Amino acid sequence: MIKQGVVVRRDRAAMESVRMAAAELFERGFPQAEVARLLETSRQNVHRWHEKWQRGGREALVSAGPPGLAPEIDDEEL
């Protein structure tokens, strides 16, 4: 992600923490718009998280790991 000309790496653990906070709010009955406001994220993100949460609970919001294909060679071969 680029922010004002500076590359910013996404912190997967921090992002997962926000999704877990959203799950707690969903469990407590908060509306999606309020969750978005409280967590300072978009309604689109919250909507997507809510759908996943409804299908699979908190486990559905756990990080899937880094995106992309796994490398075909290991560190030693590299």
N, C-alpha and C. Protein backbone atom coordinates (compact mmCIF):
# COMPACT_ATOMS: atom_id res chain seq x y z
N MET A 1 0.85 -1.17 0.00
CA MET A 1 0.00 0.00 0.00
C MET A 1 0.90 1.24 0.00
N ILE A 2 0.52 2.26 -0.72
CA ILE A 2 1.30 3.50 -0.78
C ILE A 2 0.51 4.61 -0.10
N LYS A 3 1.14 5.29 0.83
CA LYS A 3 0.51 6.37 1.56
C LYS A 3 1.40 7.59 1.46
N GLN A 4 0.94 8.62 0.76
CA GLN A 4 1.69 9.86 0.56
C GLN A 4 3.12 9.59 0.10
N GLY A 5 3.25 8.71 -0.92
CA GLY A 5 4.56 8.45 -1.50
C GLY A 5 5.43 7.51 -0.69
N VAL A 6 4.92 6.95 0.41
CA VAL A 6 5.69 6.04 1.25
C VAL A 6 5.01 4.67 1.22
N VAL A 7 5.79 3.62 1.01
CA VAL A 7 5.24 2.28 1.01
C VAL A 7 5.01 1.86 2.45
N VAL A 8 3.77 1.42 2.75
CA VAL A 8 3.41 0.99 4.10
C VAL A 8 3.05 -0.49 4.03
N ARG A 9 3.75 -1.33 4.79
CA ARG A 9 3.44 -2.75 4.83
C ARG A 9 2.25 -2.97 5.76
N ARG A 10 1.38 -3.85 5.35
CA ARG A 10 0.22 -4.17 6.17
C ARG A 10 0.63 -5.15 7.26
N ASP A 11 0.21 -4.89 8.45
CA ASP A 11 0.50 -5.74 9.59
C ASP A 11 -0.64 -6.74 9.73
N ARG A 12 -0.38 -7.98 9.29
CA ARG A 12 -1.41 -9.00 9.26
C ARG A 12 -2.02 -9.24 10.65
N ALA A 13 -1.18 -9.27 11.67
CA ALA A 13 -1.67 -9.50 13.04
C ALA A 13 -2.57 -8.36 13.50
N ALA A 14 -2.20 -7.14 13.18
CA ALA A 14 -3.02 -5.98 13.56
C ALA A 14 -4.37 -6.01 12.84
N MET A 15 -4.34 -6.39 11.58
CA MET A 15 -5.58 -6.46 10.81
C MET A 15 -6.50 -7.56 11.36
N GLU A 16 -5.89 -8.69 11.74
CA GLU A 16 -6.69 -9.76 12.33
C GLU A 16 -7.29 -9.31 13.66
N SER A 17 -6.54 -8.55 14.42
CA SER A 17 -7.03 -8.03 15.69
C SER A 17 -8.27 -7.16 15.49
N VAL A 18 -8.28 -6.36 14.45
CA VAL A 18 -9.45 -5.52 14.15
C VAL A 18 -10.64 -6.40 13.77
N ARG A 19 -10.39 -7.45 12.98
CA ARG A 19 -11.49 -8.35 12.61
C ARG A 19 -12.06 -9.07 13.83
N MET A 20 -11.19 -9.44 14.78
CA MET A 20 -11.66 -10.09 16.01
C MET A 20 -12.48 -9.12 16.87
N ALA A 21 -12.09 -7.86 16.87
CA ALA A 21 -12.87 -6.84 17.58
C ALA A 21 -14.24 -6.70 16.92
N ALA A 22 -14.26 -6.75 15.59
CA ALA A 22 -15.54 -6.69 14.87
C ALA A 22 -16.41 -7.89 15.25
N ALA A 23 -15.82 -9.07 15.33
CA ALA A 23 -16.57 -10.28 15.70
C ALA A 23 -17.22 -10.11 17.07
N GLU A 24 -16.47 -9.54 18.00
CA GLU A 24 -17.02 -9.32 19.34
C GLU A 24 -18.22 -8.38 19.29
N LEU A 25 -18.09 -7.33 18.48
CA LEU A 25 -19.19 -6.37 18.35
C LEU A 25 -20.39 -7.02 17.66
N PHE A 26 -20.15 -7.87 16.65
CA PHE A 26 -21.26 -8.58 15.99
C PHE A 26 -21.98 -9.45 17.02
N GLU A 27 -21.20 -10.16 17.85
CA GLU A 27 -21.78 -11.04 18.86
C GLU A 27 -22.62 -10.27 19.87
N ARG A 28 -22.27 -9.02 20.10
CA ARG A 28 -23.00 -8.17 21.05
C ARG A 28 -24.17 -7.45 20.39
N GLY A 29 -24.35 -7.68 19.08
CA GLY A 29 -25.52 -7.14 18.39
C GLY A 29 -25.37 -5.74 17.81
N PHE A 30 -24.14 -5.25 17.72
CA PHE A 30 -23.94 -3.92 17.15
C PHE A 30 -24.25 -3.92 15.65
N PRO A 31 -24.89 -2.88 15.13
CA PRO A 31 -25.12 -2.78 13.68
C PRO A 31 -23.80 -2.57 12.94
N GLN A 32 -23.78 -3.02 11.69
CA GLN A 32 -22.57 -2.93 10.89
C GLN A 32 -22.04 -1.49 10.77
N ALA A 33 -22.92 -0.54 10.59
CA ALA A 33 -22.48 0.86 10.45
C ALA A 33 -21.76 1.33 11.71
N GLU A 34 -22.26 0.91 12.87
CA GLU A 34 -21.63 1.30 14.14
C GLU A 34 -20.28 0.61 14.29
N VAL A 35 -20.18 -0.64 13.87
CA VAL A 35 -18.91 -1.37 13.93
C VAL A 35 -17.88 -0.64 13.06
N ALA A 36 -18.28 -0.24 11.87
CA ALA A 36 -17.37 0.49 10.97
C ALA A 36 -16.90 1.78 11.62
N ARG A 37 -17.81 2.50 12.25
CA ARG A 37 -17.45 3.77 12.89
C ARG A 37 -16.50 3.54 14.05
N LEU A 38 -16.82 2.58 14.91
CA LEU A 38 -15.99 2.32 16.09
C LEU A 38 -14.58 1.84 15.72
N LEU A 39 -14.49 1.02 14.68
CA LEU A 39 -13.19 0.46 14.29
C LEU A 39 -12.48 1.30 13.23
N GLU A 40 -13.12 2.40 12.84
CA GLU A 40 -12.55 3.34 11.85
C GLU A 40 -12.14 2.62 10.57
N THR A 41 -13.09 1.88 10.02
CA THR A 41 -12.87 1.20 8.75
C THR A 41 -14.11 1.39 7.89
N SER A 42 -14.05 0.92 6.66
CA SER A 42 -15.17 1.13 5.75
C SER A 42 -16.33 0.18 6.04
N ARG A 43 -17.50 0.61 5.65
CA ARG A 43 -18.68 -0.25 5.78
C ARG A 43 -18.54 -1.48 4.90
N GLN A 44 -17.86 -1.33 3.77
CA GLN A 44 -17.66 -2.47 2.88
C GLN A 44 -16.85 -3.56 3.58
N ASN A 45 -15.77 -3.17 4.27
CA ASN A 45 -14.98 -4.15 5.02
C ASN A 45 -15.84 -4.84 6.05
N VAL A 46 -16.59 -4.07 6.82
CA VAL A 46 -17.42 -4.63 7.89
C VAL A 46 -18.48 -5.56 7.31
N HIS A 47 -19.07 -5.19 6.20
CA HIS A 47 -20.07 -6.04 5.57
C HIS A 47 -19.46 -7.39 5.18
N ARG A 48 -18.29 -7.34 4.58
CA ARG A 48 -17.59 -8.57 4.16
C ARG A 48 -17.26 -9.44 5.38
N TRP A 49 -16.75 -8.80 6.45
CA TRP A 49 -16.43 -9.53 7.68
C TRP A 49 -17.69 -10.14 8.29
N HIS A 50 -18.78 -9.38 8.28
CA HIS A 50 -20.02 -9.86 8.87
C HIS A 50 -20.52 -11.11 8.14
N GLU A 51 -20.46 -11.09 6.82
CA GLU A 51 -20.88 -12.27 6.05
C GLU A 51 -20.02 -13.48 6.41
N LYS A 52 -18.70 -13.30 6.49
CA LYS A 52 -17.81 -14.40 6.86
C LYS A 52 -18.12 -14.88 8.28
N TRP A 53 -18.32 -13.94 9.19
CA TRP A 53 -18.61 -14.26 10.58
C TRP A 53 -19.90 -15.07 10.69
N GLN A 54 -20.92 -14.68 9.93
CA GLN A 54 -22.19 -15.41 9.96
C GLN A 54 -22.02 -16.85 9.48
N ARG A 55 -21.17 -17.06 8.48
CA ARG A 55 -20.96 -18.40 7.93
C ARG A 55 -20.05 -19.27 8.80
N GLY A 56 -19.03 -18.65 9.43
CA GLY A 56 -18.05 -19.47 10.12
C GLY A 56 -17.58 -18.98 11.47
N GLY A 57 -18.24 -17.98 12.03
CA GLY A 57 -17.83 -17.47 13.32
C GLY A 57 -16.47 -16.79 13.29
N ARG A 58 -15.86 -16.68 14.46
CA ARG A 58 -14.55 -16.01 14.57
C ARG A 58 -13.49 -16.68 13.72
N GLU A 59 -13.56 -18.02 13.61
CA GLU A 59 -12.56 -18.76 12.84
C GLU A 59 -12.51 -18.30 11.38
N ALA A 60 -13.65 -17.86 10.86
CA ALA A 60 -13.71 -17.39 9.47
C ALA A 60 -12.97 -16.07 9.28
N LEU A 61 -12.67 -15.37 10.39
CA LEU A 61 -12.00 -14.07 10.30
C LEU A 61 -10.50 -14.15 10.59
N VAL A 62 -10.00 -15.35 10.85
CA VAL A 62 -8.58 -15.53 11.12
C VAL A 62 -7.79 -15.34 9.82
N SER A 63 -6.61 -14.76 9.93
CA SER A 63 -5.76 -14.51 8.76
C SER A 63 -5.45 -15.81 8.03
N ALA A 64 -5.51 -15.76 6.72
CA ALA A 64 -5.20 -16.92 5.88
C ALA A 64 -3.71 -16.96 5.54
N GLY A 65 -2.93 -16.05 6.09
CA GLY A 65 -1.50 -16.01 5.79
C GLY A 65 -1.20 -15.08 4.63
N PRO A 66 0.05 -15.06 4.22
CA PRO A 66 0.43 -14.14 3.14
C PRO A 66 -0.28 -14.49 1.84
N PRO A 67 -0.62 -13.46 1.05
CA PRO A 67 -1.27 -13.72 -0.23
C PRO A 67 -0.28 -14.26 -1.26
N GLY A 68 -0.81 -14.85 -2.28
CA GLY A 68 0.03 -15.33 -3.37
C GLY A 68 0.39 -16.80 -3.22
N LEU A 69 1.09 -17.28 -4.23
CA LEU A 69 1.50 -18.67 -4.25
C LEU A 69 2.70 -18.90 -3.33
N ALA A 70 2.78 -20.10 -2.80
CA ALA A 70 3.94 -20.47 -2.00
C ALA A 70 5.15 -20.60 -2.94
N PRO A 71 6.35 -20.25 -2.46
CA PRO A 71 7.52 -20.36 -3.34
C PRO A 71 7.78 -21.83 -3.71
N GLU A 72 8.32 -22.01 -4.92
CA GLU A 72 8.59 -23.36 -5.38
C GLU A 72 9.93 -23.89 -4.87
N ILE A 73 10.78 -23.00 -4.38
CA ILE A 73 12.05 -23.44 -3.80
C ILE A 73 12.13 -22.92 -2.37
N ASP A 74 12.87 -23.67 -1.55
CA ASP A 74 12.98 -23.22 -0.16
C ASP A 74 14.17 -22.27 0.00
N ASP A 75 14.35 -21.73 1.20
CA ASP A 75 15.42 -20.75 1.45
C ASP A 75 16.80 -21.33 1.15
N GLU A 76 17.00 -22.60 1.49
CA GLU A 76 18.30 -23.23 1.25
C GLU A 76 18.62 -23.31 -0.23
N GLU A 77 17.64 -23.67 -1.05
CA GLU A 77 17.85 -23.77 -2.50
C GLU A 77 18.09 -22.38 -3.09
N LEU A 78 17.45 -21.37 -2.54
CA LEU A 78 17.62 -20.02 -3.04
C LEU A 78 19.03 -19.54 -2.78
